[in-house]
Amino acid sequence: SPASFLPASEKYNIVTSIDRWVISHTMEWLSSDPVCKGWP
């Protein structure tokens, strides 16, 4: 669960890297998955 790793990532200032990972992978999924392209 993120409750187990996000507090430490915030404390050690690496949470922005995790946010980047999420944004990048979400946008990649949204742009490449044929189901998502037509899904409102």
PDB file of all heavy atoms in Angstrom:
ATOM      1  N   SER A   1       0.835  -1.202   0.000  1.00  0.00           N
ATOM      2  CA  SER A   1       0.000   0.000   0.000  1.00  0.00           C
ATOM      3  C   SER A   1       0.873   1.258   0.000  1.00  0.00           C
ATOM      4  O   SER A   1       1.944   1.281   0.609  1.00  0.00           O
ATOM      5  CB  SER A   1      -0.882  -0.011   1.249  1.00  0.00           C
ATOM      6  OG  SER A   1      -1.441   1.255   1.462  1.00  0.00           O
ATOM      7  N   PRO A   2       0.407   2.332  -0.638  1.00  0.00           N
ATOM      8  CA  PRO A   2       1.179   3.577  -0.620  1.00  0.00           C
ATOM      9  C   PRO A   2       1.349   4.143   0.793  1.00  0.00           C
ATOM     10  O   PRO A   2       2.297   4.891   1.036  1.00  0.00           O
ATOM     11  CB  PRO A   2       0.384   4.523  -1.511  1.00  0.00           C
ATOM     12  CG  PRO A   2      -0.936   3.897  -1.719  1.00  0.00           C
ATOM     13  CD  PRO A   2      -0.804   2.442  -1.448  1.00  0.00           C
ATOM     14  N   ALA A   3       0.481   3.788   1.703  1.00  0.00           N
ATOM     15  CA  ALA A   3       0.638   4.249   3.090  1.00  0.00           C
ATOM     16  C   ALA A   3       1.943   3.734   3.693  1.00  0.00           C
ATOM     17  O   ALA A   3       2.465   4.333   4.636  1.00  0.00           O
ATOM     18  CB  ALA A   3      -0.548   3.796   3.932  1.00  0.00           C
ATOM     19  N   SER A   4       2.478   2.661   3.116  1.00  0.00           N
ATOM     20  CA  SER A   4       3.723   2.087   3.620  1.00  0.00           C
ATOM     21  C   SER A   4       4.972   2.714   3.009  1.00  0.00           C
ATOM     22  O   SER A   4       6.036   2.618   3.590  1.00  0.00           O
ATOM     23  CB  SER A   4       3.755   0.579   3.346  1.00  0.00           C
ATOM     24  OG  SER A   4       2.705  -0.067   4.009  1.00  0.00           O
ATOM     25  N   PHE A   5       4.874   3.333   1.829  1.00  0.00           N
ATOM     26  CA  PHE A   5       6.084   3.883   1.207  1.00  0.00           C
ATOM     27  C   PHE A   5       6.025   5.374   0.897  1.00  0.00           C
ATOM     28  O   PHE A   5       7.068   6.016   0.785  1.00  0.00           O
ATOM     29  CB  PHE A   5       6.461   3.092  -0.063  1.00  0.00           C
ATOM     30  CG  PHE A   5       5.458   3.123  -1.173  1.00  0.00           C
ATOM     31  CD1 PHE A   5       5.440   4.153  -2.087  1.00  0.00           C
ATOM     32  CD2 PHE A   5       4.538   2.099  -1.309  1.00  0.00           C
ATOM     33  CE1 PHE A   5       4.519   4.175  -3.127  1.00  0.00           C
ATOM     34  CE2 PHE A   5       3.613   2.102  -2.342  1.00  0.00           C
ATOM     35  CZ  PHE A   5       3.607   3.146  -3.250  1.00  0.00           C
ATOM     36  N   LEU A   6       4.841   5.963   0.771  1.00  0.00           N
ATOM     37  CA  LEU A   6       4.785   7.392   0.434  1.00  0.00           C
ATOM     38  C   LEU A   6       5.284   8.308   1.556  1.00  0.00           C
ATOM     39  O   LEU A   6       5.976   9.288   1.262  1.00  0.00           O
ATOM     40  CB  LEU A   6       3.386   7.795  -0.010  1.00  0.00           C
ATOM     41  CG  LEU A   6       3.034   7.408  -1.451  1.00  0.00           C
ATOM     42  CD1 LEU A   6       1.642   7.903  -1.818  1.00  0.00           C
ATOM     43  CD2 LEU A   6       4.051   7.905  -2.448  1.00  0.00           C
ATOM     44  N   PRO A   7       4.980   8.041   2.828  1.00  0.00           N
ATOM     45  CA  PRO A   7       5.526   8.925   3.869  1.00  0.00           C
ATOM     46  C   PRO A   7       7.057   9.004   3.834  1.00  0.00           C
ATOM     47  O   PRO A   7       7.628  10.090   3.967  1.00  0.00           O
ATOM     48  CB  PRO A   7       5.014   8.314   5.169  1.00  0.00           C
ATOM     49  CG  PRO A   7       3.738   7.636   4.767  1.00  0.00           C
ATOM     50  CD  PRO A   7       4.028   7.077   3.394  1.00  0.00           C
ATOM     51  N   ALA A   8       7.724   7.885   3.629  1.00  0.00           N
ATOM     52  CA  ALA A   8       9.190   7.891   3.545  1.00  0.00           C
ATOM     53  C   ALA A   8       9.660   8.632   2.297  1.00  0.00           C
ATOM     54  O   ALA A   8      10.657   9.367   2.336  1.00  0.00           O
ATOM     55  CB  ALA A   8       9.733   6.463   3.559  1.00  0.00           C
ATOM     56  N   SER A   9       8.926   8.462   1.187  1.00  0.00           N
ATOM     57  CA  SER A   9       9.331   9.148  -0.043  1.00  0.00           C
ATOM     58  C   SER A   9       9.187  10.667   0.107  1.00  0.00           C
ATOM     59  O   SER A   9       9.976  11.422  -0.456  1.00  0.00           O
ATOM     60  CB  SER A   9       8.536   8.636  -1.239  1.00  0.00           C
ATOM     61  OG  SER A   9       7.199   9.055  -1.187  1.00  0.00           O
ATOM     62  N   GLU A  10       8.194  11.095   0.878  1.00  0.00           N
ATOM     63  CA  GLU A  10       8.043  12.529   1.142  1.00  0.00           C
ATOM     64  C   GLU A  10       9.158  13.031   2.052  1.00  0.00           C
ATOM     65  O   GLU A  10       9.738  14.086   1.822  1.00  0.00           O
ATOM     66  CB  GLU A  10       6.674  12.817   1.749  1.00  0.00           C
ATOM     67  CG  GLU A  10       5.544  12.650   0.755  1.00  0.00           C
ATOM     68  CD  GLU A  10       4.155  12.751   1.367  1.00  0.00           C
ATOM     69  OE1 GLU A  10       4.031  12.654   2.614  1.00  0.00           O
ATOM     70  OE2 GLU A  10       3.200  12.913   0.596  1.00  0.00           O
ATOM     71  N   LYS A  11       9.450  12.249   3.076  1.00  0.00           N
ATOM     72  CA  LYS A  11      10.487  12.631   4.040  1.00  0.00           C
ATOM     73  C   LYS A  11      11.844  12.782   3.366  1.00  0.00           C
ATOM     74  O   LYS A  11      12.608  13.693   3.675  1.00  0.00           O
ATOM     75  CB  LYS A  11      10.570  11.595   5.157  1.00  0.00           C
ATOM     76  CG  LYS A  11      11.610  11.906   6.201  1.00  0.00           C
ATOM     77  CD  LYS A  11      11.621  10.862   7.300  1.00  0.00           C
ATOM     78  CE  LYS A  11      12.679  11.173   8.328  1.00  0.00           C
ATOM     79  NZ  LYS A  11      12.695  10.170   9.405  1.00  0.00           N
ATOM     80  N   TYR A  12      12.156  11.896   2.426  1.00  0.00           N
ATOM     81  CA  TYR A  12      13.458  11.915   1.767  1.00  0.00           C
ATOM     82  C   TYR A  12      13.422  12.614   0.400  1.00  0.00           C
ATOM     83  O   TYR A  12      14.332  12.475  -0.398  1.00  0.00           O
ATOM     84  CB  TYR A  12      14.009  10.491   1.651  1.00  0.00           C
ATOM     85  CG  TYR A  12      14.300   9.912   3.011  1.00  0.00           C
ATOM     86  CD1 TYR A  12      13.463   8.950   3.561  1.00  0.00           C
ATOM     87  CD2 TYR A  12      15.384  10.367   3.762  1.00  0.00           C
ATOM     88  CE1 TYR A  12      13.715   8.433   4.831  1.00  0.00           C
ATOM     89  CE2 TYR A  12      15.634   9.859   5.027  1.00  0.00           C
ATOM     90  CZ  TYR A  12      14.798   8.892   5.553  1.00  0.00           C
ATOM     91  OH  TYR A  12      15.034   8.397   6.806  1.00  0.00           O
ATOM     92  N   ASN A  13      12.360  13.365   0.165  1.00  0.00           N
ATOM     93  CA  ASN A  13      12.224  14.213  -1.031  1.00  0.00           C
ATOM     94  C   ASN A  13      12.370  13.458  -2.348  1.00  0.00           C
ATOM     95  O   ASN A  13      12.982  13.957  -3.290  1.00  0.00           O
ATOM     96  CB  ASN A  13      13.219  15.376  -0.972  1.00  0.00           C
ATOM     97  CG  ASN A  13      12.941  16.309   0.172  1.00  0.00           C
ATOM     98  OD1 ASN A  13      11.790  16.637   0.447  1.00  0.00           O
ATOM     99  ND2 ASN A  13      13.980  16.719   0.871  1.00  0.00           N
ATOM    100  N   ILE A  14      11.758  12.269  -2.417  1.00  0.00           N
ATOM    101  CA  ILE A  14      11.750  11.540  -3.690  1.00  0.00           C
ATOM    102  C   ILE A  14      10.330  11.332  -4.211  1.00  0.00           C
ATOM    103  O   ILE A  14      10.137  10.663  -5.216  1.00  0.00           O
ATOM    104  CB  ILE A  14      12.500  10.189  -3.588  1.00  0.00           C
ATOM    105  CG1 ILE A  14      11.868   9.287  -2.532  1.00  0.00           C
ATOM    106  CG2 ILE A  14      13.977  10.406  -3.333  1.00  0.00           C
ATOM    107  CD1 ILE A  14      12.424   7.877  -2.525  1.00  0.00           C
ATOM    108  N   VAL A  15       9.358  11.921  -3.543  1.00  0.00           N
ATOM    109  CA  VAL A  15       7.973  11.737  -3.954  1.00  0.00           C
ATOM    110  C   VAL A  15       7.700  12.358  -5.325  1.00  0.00           C
ATOM    111  O   VAL A  15       6.873  11.851  -6.083  1.00  0.00           O
ATOM    112  CB  VAL A  15       6.987  12.258  -2.881  1.00  0.00           C
ATOM    113  CG1 VAL A  15       6.981  13.772  -2.802  1.00  0.00           C
ATOM    114  CG2 VAL A  15       5.591  11.729  -3.120  1.00  0.00           C
ATOM    115  N   THR A  16       8.427  13.408  -5.674  1.00  0.00           N
ATOM    116  CA  THR A  16       8.246  14.011  -6.992  1.00  0.00           C
ATOM    117  C   THR A  16       8.644  13.028  -8.091  1.00  0.00           C
ATOM    118  O   THR A  16       8.001  12.973  -9.146  1.00  0.00           O
ATOM    119  CB  THR A  16       9.050  15.325  -7.099  1.00  0.00           C
ATOM    120  OG1 THR A  16       8.575  16.214  -6.088  1.00  0.00           O
ATOM    121  CG2 THR A  16       8.870  15.997  -8.441  1.00  0.00           C
ATOM    122  N   SER A  17       9.673  12.231  -7.846  1.00  0.00           N
ATOM    123  CA  SER A  17      10.069  11.204  -8.819  1.00  0.00           C
ATOM    124  C   SER A  17       8.966  10.166  -8.984  1.00  0.00           C
ATOM    125  O   SER A  17       8.715   9.677 -10.096  1.00  0.00           O
ATOM    126  CB  SER A  17      11.358  10.517  -8.378  1.00  0.00           C
ATOM    127  OG  SER A  17      12.415  11.431  -8.349  1.00  0.00           O
ATOM    128  N   ILE A  18       8.313   9.832  -7.895  1.00  0.00           N
ATOM    129  CA  ILE A  18       7.199   8.883  -7.968  1.00  0.00           C
ATOM    130  C   ILE A  18       6.036   9.503  -8.728  1.00  0.00           C
ATOM    131  O   ILE A  18       5.418   8.850  -9.573  1.00  0.00           O
ATOM    132  CB  ILE A  18       6.787   8.413  -6.556  1.00  0.00           C
ATOM    133  CG1 ILE A  18       7.932   7.614  -5.929  1.00  0.00           C
ATOM    134  CG2 ILE A  18       5.495   7.606  -6.607  1.00  0.00           C
ATOM    135  CD1 ILE A  18       7.728   7.265  -4.463  1.00  0.00           C
ATOM    136  N   ASP A  19       5.745  10.771  -8.471  1.00  0.00           N
ATOM    137  CA  ASP A  19       4.689  11.462  -9.218  1.00  0.00           C
ATOM    138  C   ASP A  19       5.000  11.459 -10.716  1.00  0.00           C
ATOM    139  O   ASP A  19       4.110  11.236 -11.545  1.00  0.00           O
ATOM    140  CB  ASP A  19       4.527  12.905  -8.729  1.00  0.00           C
ATOM    141  CG  ASP A  19       3.821  13.018  -7.387  1.00  0.00           C
ATOM    142  OD1 ASP A  19       3.260  12.009  -6.902  1.00  0.00           O
ATOM    143  OD2 ASP A  19       3.834  14.130  -6.817  1.00  0.00           O
ATOM    144  N   ARG A  20       6.249  11.678 -11.073  1.00  0.00           N
ATOM    145  CA  ARG A  20       6.643  11.649 -12.481  1.00  0.00           C
ATOM    146  C   ARG A  20       6.379  10.270 -13.089  1.00  0.00           C
ATOM    147  O   ARG A  20       5.890  10.165 -14.213  1.00  0.00           O
ATOM    148  CB  ARG A  20       8.127  11.998 -12.644  1.00  0.00           C
ATOM    149  CG  ARG A  20       8.437  13.455 -12.457  1.00  0.00           C
ATOM    150  CD  ARG A  20       9.961  13.673 -12.505  1.00  0.00           C
ATOM    151  NE  ARG A  20      10.288  15.045 -12.274  1.00  0.00           N
ATOM    152  CZ  ARG A  20      10.692  15.898 -13.211  1.00  0.00           C
ATOM    153  NH1 ARG A  20      10.819  15.481 -14.453  1.00  0.00           N
ATOM    154  NH2 ARG A  20      10.971  17.139 -12.923  1.00  0.00           N
ATOM    155  N   TRP A  21       6.706   9.221 -12.343  1.00  0.00           N
ATOM    156  CA  TRP A  21       6.489   7.858 -12.825  1.00  0.00           C
ATOM    157  C   TRP A  21       5.006   7.634 -13.096  1.00  0.00           C
ATOM    158  O   TRP A  21       4.630   7.109 -14.142  1.00  0.00           O
ATOM    159  CB  TRP A  21       7.014   6.851 -11.800  1.00  0.00           C
ATOM    160  CG  TRP A  21       7.039   5.441 -12.287  1.00  0.00           C
ATOM    161  CD1 TRP A  21       8.103   4.781 -12.830  1.00  0.00           C
ATOM    162  CD2 TRP A  21       5.946   4.510 -12.290  1.00  0.00           C
ATOM    163  NE1 TRP A  21       7.731   3.501 -13.175  1.00  0.00           N
ATOM    164  CE2 TRP A  21       6.410   3.304 -12.853  1.00  0.00           C
ATOM    165  CE3 TRP A  21       4.621   4.572 -11.886  1.00  0.00           C
ATOM    166  CZ2 TRP A  21       5.607   2.188 -13.019  1.00  0.00           C
ATOM    167  CZ3 TRP A  21       3.811   3.463 -12.044  1.00  0.00           C
ATOM    168  CH2 TRP A  21       4.299   2.284 -12.600  1.00  0.00           C
ATOM    169  N   VAL A  22       4.174   8.052 -12.157  1.00  0.00           N
ATOM    170  CA  VAL A  22       2.723   7.863 -12.305  1.00  0.00           C
ATOM    171  C   VAL A  22       2.197   8.645 -13.507  1.00  0.00           C
ATOM    172  O   VAL A  22       1.446   8.110 -14.325  1.00  0.00           O
ATOM    173  CB  VAL A  22       1.980   8.271 -11.009  1.00  0.00           C
ATOM    174  CG1 VAL A  22       0.470   8.281 -11.220  1.00  0.00           C
ATOM    175  CG2 VAL A  22       2.359   7.353  -9.854  1.00  0.00           C
ATOM    176  N   ILE A  23       2.586   9.898 -13.630  1.00  0.00           N
ATOM    177  CA  ILE A  23       2.121  10.730 -14.742  1.00  0.00           C
ATOM    178  C   ILE A  23       2.565  10.135 -16.075  1.00  0.00           C
ATOM    179  O   ILE A  23       1.769   9.987 -17.006  1.00  0.00           O
ATOM    180  CB  ILE A  23       2.630  12.178 -14.584  1.00  0.00           C
ATOM    181  CG1 ILE A  23       1.942  12.841 -13.389  1.00  0.00           C
ATOM    182  CG2 ILE A  23       2.412  12.990 -15.868  1.00  0.00           C
ATOM    183  CD1 ILE A  23       2.628  14.105 -12.908  1.00  0.00           C
ATOM    184  N   SER A  24       3.828   9.787 -16.161  1.00  0.00           N
ATOM    185  CA  SER A  24       4.370   9.234 -17.398  1.00  0.00           C
ATOM    186  C   SER A  24       3.660   7.948 -17.801  1.00  0.00           C
ATOM    187  O   SER A  24       3.235   7.790 -18.951  1.00  0.00           O
ATOM    188  CB  SER A  24       5.869   8.983 -17.214  1.00  0.00           C
ATOM    189  OG  SER A  24       6.416   8.370 -18.348  1.00  0.00           O
ATOM    190  N   HIS A  25       3.507   7.024 -16.867  1.00  0.00           N
ATOM    191  CA  HIS A  25       2.877   5.741 -17.187  1.00  0.00           C
ATOM    192  C   HIS A  25       1.376   5.891 -17.465  1.00  0.00           C
ATOM    193  O   HIS A  25       0.835   5.182 -18.312  1.00  0.00           O
ATOM    194  CB  HIS A  25       3.144   4.728 -16.072  1.00  0.00           C
ATOM    195  CG  HIS A  25       4.527   4.160 -16.137  1.00  0.00           C
ATOM    196  ND1 HIS A  25       5.631   4.854 -15.693  1.00  0.00           N
ATOM    197  CD2 HIS A  25       4.980   2.991 -16.628  1.00  0.00           C
ATOM    198  CE1 HIS A  25       6.704   4.122 -15.895  1.00  0.00           C
ATOM    199  NE2 HIS A  25       6.347   2.987 -16.468  1.00  0.00           N
ATOM    200  N   THR A  26       0.723   6.798 -16.775  1.00  0.00           N
ATOM    201  CA  THR A  26      -0.699   7.018 -17.025  1.00  0.00           C
ATOM    202  C   THR A  26      -0.919   7.610 -18.416  1.00  0.00           C
ATOM    203  O   THR A  26      -1.784   7.144 -19.167  1.00  0.00           O
ATOM    204  CB  THR A  26      -1.308   7.940 -15.949  1.00  0.00           C
ATOM    205  OG1 THR A  26      -1.145   7.333 -14.666  1.00  0.00           O
ATOM    206  CG2 THR A  26      -2.786   8.184 -16.213  1.00  0.00           C
ATOM    207  N   MET A  27      -0.147   8.617 -18.759  1.00  0.00           N
ATOM    208  CA  MET A  27      -0.310   9.233 -20.087  1.00  0.00           C
ATOM    209  C   MET A  27       0.090   8.257 -21.190  1.00  0.00           C
ATOM    210  O   MET A  27      -0.556   8.235 -22.246  1.00  0.00           O
ATOM    211  CB  MET A  27       0.479  10.532 -20.167  1.00  0.00           C
ATOM    212  CG  MET A  27      -0.152  11.657 -19.383  1.00  0.00           C
ATOM    213  SD  MET A  27       0.604  13.230 -19.852  1.00  0.00           S
ATOM    214  CE  MET A  27      -0.149  14.337 -18.680  1.00  0.00           C
ATOM    215  N   GLU A  28       1.116   7.467 -20.946  1.00  0.00           N
ATOM    216  CA  GLU A  28       1.518   6.460 -21.937  1.00  0.00           C
ATOM    217  C   GLU A  28       0.391   5.450 -22.160  1.00  0.00           C
ATOM    218  O   GLU A  28       0.064   5.100 -23.290  1.00  0.00           O
ATOM    219  CB  GLU A  28       2.780   5.746 -21.443  1.00  0.00           C
ATOM    220  CG  GLU A  28       3.313   4.701 -22.388  1.00  0.00           C
ATOM    221  CD  GLU A  28       4.541   4.026 -21.810  1.00  0.00           C
ATOM    222  OE1 GLU A  28       5.492   4.738 -21.424  1.00  0.00           O
ATOM    223  OE2 GLU A  28       4.538   2.778 -21.738  1.00  0.00           O
ATOM    224  N   TRP A  29      -0.219   4.990 -21.068  1.00  0.00           N
ATOM    225  CA  TRP A  29      -1.334   4.043 -21.167  1.00  0.00           C
ATOM    226  C   TRP A  29      -2.505   4.672 -21.911  1.00  0.00           C
ATOM    227  O   TRP A  29      -3.087   4.072 -22.812  1.00  0.00           O
ATOM    228  CB  TRP A  29      -1.753   3.595 -19.763  1.00  0.00           C
ATOM    229  CG  TRP A  29      -3.064   2.886 -19.701  1.00  0.00           C
ATOM    230  CD1 TRP A  29      -3.375   1.669 -20.234  1.00  0.00           C
ATOM    231  CD2 TRP A  29      -4.259   3.355 -19.066  1.00  0.00           C
ATOM    232  NE1 TRP A  29      -4.690   1.349 -19.962  1.00  0.00           N
ATOM    233  CE2 TRP A  29      -5.250   2.373 -19.253  1.00  0.00           C
ATOM    234  CE3 TRP A  29      -4.584   4.506 -18.360  1.00  0.00           C
ATOM    235  CZ2 TRP A  29      -6.541   2.508 -18.750  1.00  0.00           C
ATOM    236  CZ3 TRP A  29      -5.859   4.643 -17.856  1.00  0.00           C
ATOM    237  CH2 TRP A  29      -6.821   3.646 -18.062  1.00  0.00           C
ATOM    238  N   LEU A  30      -2.826   5.897 -21.540  1.00  0.00           N
ATOM    239  CA  LEU A  30      -3.963   6.580 -22.142  1.00  0.00           C
ATOM    240  C   LEU A  30      -3.756   6.810 -23.640  1.00  0.00           C
ATOM    241  O   LEU A  30      -4.699   6.692 -24.430  1.00  0.00           O
ATOM    242  CB  LEU A  30      -4.200   7.915 -21.433  1.00  0.00           C
ATOM    243  CG  LEU A  30      -5.443   8.703 -21.781  1.00  0.00           C
ATOM    244  CD1 LEU A  30      -6.695   7.879 -21.560  1.00  0.00           C
ATOM    245  CD2 LEU A  30      -5.502   9.971 -20.943  1.00  0.00           C
ATOM    246  N   SER A  31      -2.527   7.068 -24.040  1.00  0.00           N
ATOM    247  CA  SER A  31      -2.276   7.350 -25.457  1.00  0.00           C
ATOM    248  C   SER A  31      -2.085   6.102 -26.303  1.00  0.00           C
ATOM    249  O   SER A  31      -2.305   6.137 -27.503  1.00  0.00           O
ATOM    250  CB  SER A  31      -1.040   8.242 -25.604  1.00  0.00           C
ATOM    251  OG  SER A  31       0.126   7.520 -25.270  1.00  0.00           O
ATOM    252  N   SER A  32      -1.692   4.976 -25.684  1.00  0.00           N
ATOM    253  CA  SER A  32      -1.359   3.800 -26.483  1.00  0.00           C
ATOM    254  C   SER A  32      -2.419   2.708 -26.476  1.00  0.00           C
ATOM    255  O   SER A  32      -2.454   1.886 -27.383  1.00  0.00           O
ATOM    256  CB  SER A  32      -0.037   3.194 -26.003  1.00  0.00           C
ATOM    257  OG  SER A  32      -0.175   2.699 -24.682  1.00  0.00           O
ATOM    258  N   ASP A  33      -3.285   2.689 -25.483  1.00  0.00           N
ATOM    259  CA  ASP A  33      -4.294   1.635 -25.385  1.00  0.00           C
ATOM    260  C   ASP A  33      -5.467   1.977 -26.302  1.00  0.00           C
ATOM    261  O   ASP A  33      -6.128   2.995 -26.117  1.00  0.00           O
ATOM    262  CB  ASP A  33      -4.768   1.501 -23.937  1.00  0.00           C
ATOM    263  CG  ASP A  33      -5.663   0.293 -23.719  1.00  0.00           C
ATOM    264  OD1 ASP A  33      -6.495  -0.020 -24.601  1.00  0.00           O
ATOM    265  OD2 ASP A  33      -5.540  -0.336 -22.654  1.00  0.00           O
ATOM    266  N   PRO A  34      -5.743   1.122 -27.319  1.00  0.00           N
ATOM    267  CA  PRO A  34      -6.828   1.428 -28.255  1.00  0.00           C
ATOM    268  C   PRO A  34      -8.186   1.565 -27.579  1.00  0.00           C
ATOM    269  O   PRO A  34      -9.030   2.334 -28.023  1.00  0.00           O
ATOM    270  CB  PRO A  34      -6.835   0.249 -29.225  1.00  0.00           C
ATOM    271  CG  PRO A  34      -5.713  -0.623 -28.867  1.00  0.00           C
ATOM    272  CD  PRO A  34      -5.071  -0.121 -27.619  1.00  0.00           C
ATOM    273  N   VAL A  35      -8.403   0.854 -26.484  1.00  0.00           N
ATOM    274  CA  VAL A  35      -9.678   0.966 -25.767  1.00  0.00           C
ATOM    275  C   VAL A  35      -9.803   2.354 -25.155  1.00  0.00           C
ATOM    276  O   VAL A  35     -10.845   2.995 -25.211  1.00  0.00           O
ATOM    277  CB  VAL A  35      -9.797  -0.128 -24.684  1.00  0.00           C
ATOM    278  CG1 VAL A  35     -11.038   0.078 -23.839  1.00  0.00           C
ATOM    279  CG2 VAL A  35      -9.805  -1.509 -25.320  1.00  0.00           C
ATOM    280  N   CYS A  36      -8.715   2.856 -24.568  1.00  0.00           N
ATOM    281  CA  CYS A  36      -8.746   4.173 -23.919  1.00  0.00           C
ATOM    282  C   CYS A  36      -8.973   5.301 -24.906  1.00  0.00           C
ATOM    283  O   CYS A  36      -9.611   6.290 -24.581  1.00  0.00           O
ATOM    284  CB  CYS A  36      -7.439   4.432 -23.183  1.00  0.00           C
ATOM    285  SG  CYS A  36      -7.213   3.409 -21.748  1.00  0.00           S
ATOM    286  N   LYS A  37      -8.425   5.145 -26.114  1.00  0.00           N
ATOM    287  CA  LYS A  37      -8.533   6.230 -27.094  1.00  0.00           C
ATOM    288  C   LYS A  37      -9.985   6.558 -27.426  1.00  0.00           C
ATOM    289  O   LYS A  37     -10.329   7.705 -27.633  1.00  0.00           O
ATOM    290  CB  LYS A  37      -7.755   5.873 -28.352  1.00  0.00           C
ATOM    291  CG  LYS A  37      -6.265   5.950 -28.161  1.00  0.00           C
ATOM    292  CD  LYS A  37      -5.536   5.663 -29.447  1.00  0.00           C
ATOM    293  CE  LYS A  37      -4.043   5.771 -29.224  1.00  0.00           C
ATOM    294  NZ  LYS A  37      -3.298   5.486 -30.427  1.00  0.00           N
ATOM    295  N   GLY A  38     -10.849   5.560 -27.453  1.00  0.00           N
ATOM    296  CA  GLY A  38     -12.244   5.810 -27.780  1.00  0.00           C
ATOM    297  C   GLY A  38     -13.156   5.853 -26.576  1.00  0.00           C
ATOM    298  O   GLY A  38     -14.354   6.043 -26.710  1.00  0.00           O
ATOM    299  N   TRP A  39     -12.586   5.667 -25.410  1.00  0.00           N
ATOM    300  CA  TRP A  39     -13.366   5.595 -24.186  1.00  0.00           C
ATOM    301  C   TRP A  39     -13.505   6.982 -23.581  1.00  0.00           C
ATOM    302  O   TRP A  39     -12.501   7.627 -23.300  1.00  0.00           O
ATOM    303  CB  TRP A  39     -12.642   4.658 -23.228  1.00  0.00           C
ATOM    304  CG  TRP A  39     -13.388   4.236 -22.009  1.00  0.00           C
ATOM    305  CD1 TRP A  39     -14.719   4.081 -21.858  1.00  0.00           C
ATOM    306  CD2 TRP A  39     -12.810   3.871 -20.750  1.00  0.00           C
ATOM    307  NE1 TRP A  39     -15.014   3.641 -20.598  1.00  0.00           N
ATOM    308  CE2 TRP A  39     -13.852   3.510 -19.895  1.00  0.00           C
ATOM    309  CE3 TRP A  39     -11.517   3.824 -20.272  1.00  0.00           C
ATOM    310  CZ2 TRP A  39     -13.647   3.109 -18.584  1.00  0.00           C
ATOM    311  CZ3 TRP A  39     -11.306   3.421 -18.972  1.00  0.00           C
ATOM    312  CH2 TRP A  39     -12.363   3.067 -18.147  1.00  0.00           C
ATOM    313  N   PRO A  40     -14.713   7.476 -23.383  1.00  0.00           N
ATOM    314  CA  PRO A  40     -14.867   8.812 -22.795  1.00  0.00           C
ATOM    315  C   PRO A  40     -14.573   8.760 -21.297  1.00  0.00           C
ATOM    316  O   PRO A  40     -15.443   8.487 -20.484  1.00  0.00           O
ATOM    317  CB  PRO A  40     -16.334   9.155 -23.077  1.00  0.00           C
ATOM    318  CG  PRO A  40     -17.016   7.824 -23.145  1.00  0.00           C
ATOM    319  CD  PRO A  40     -15.993   6.854 -23.678  1.00  0.00           C
TER     320      PRO A  40
END
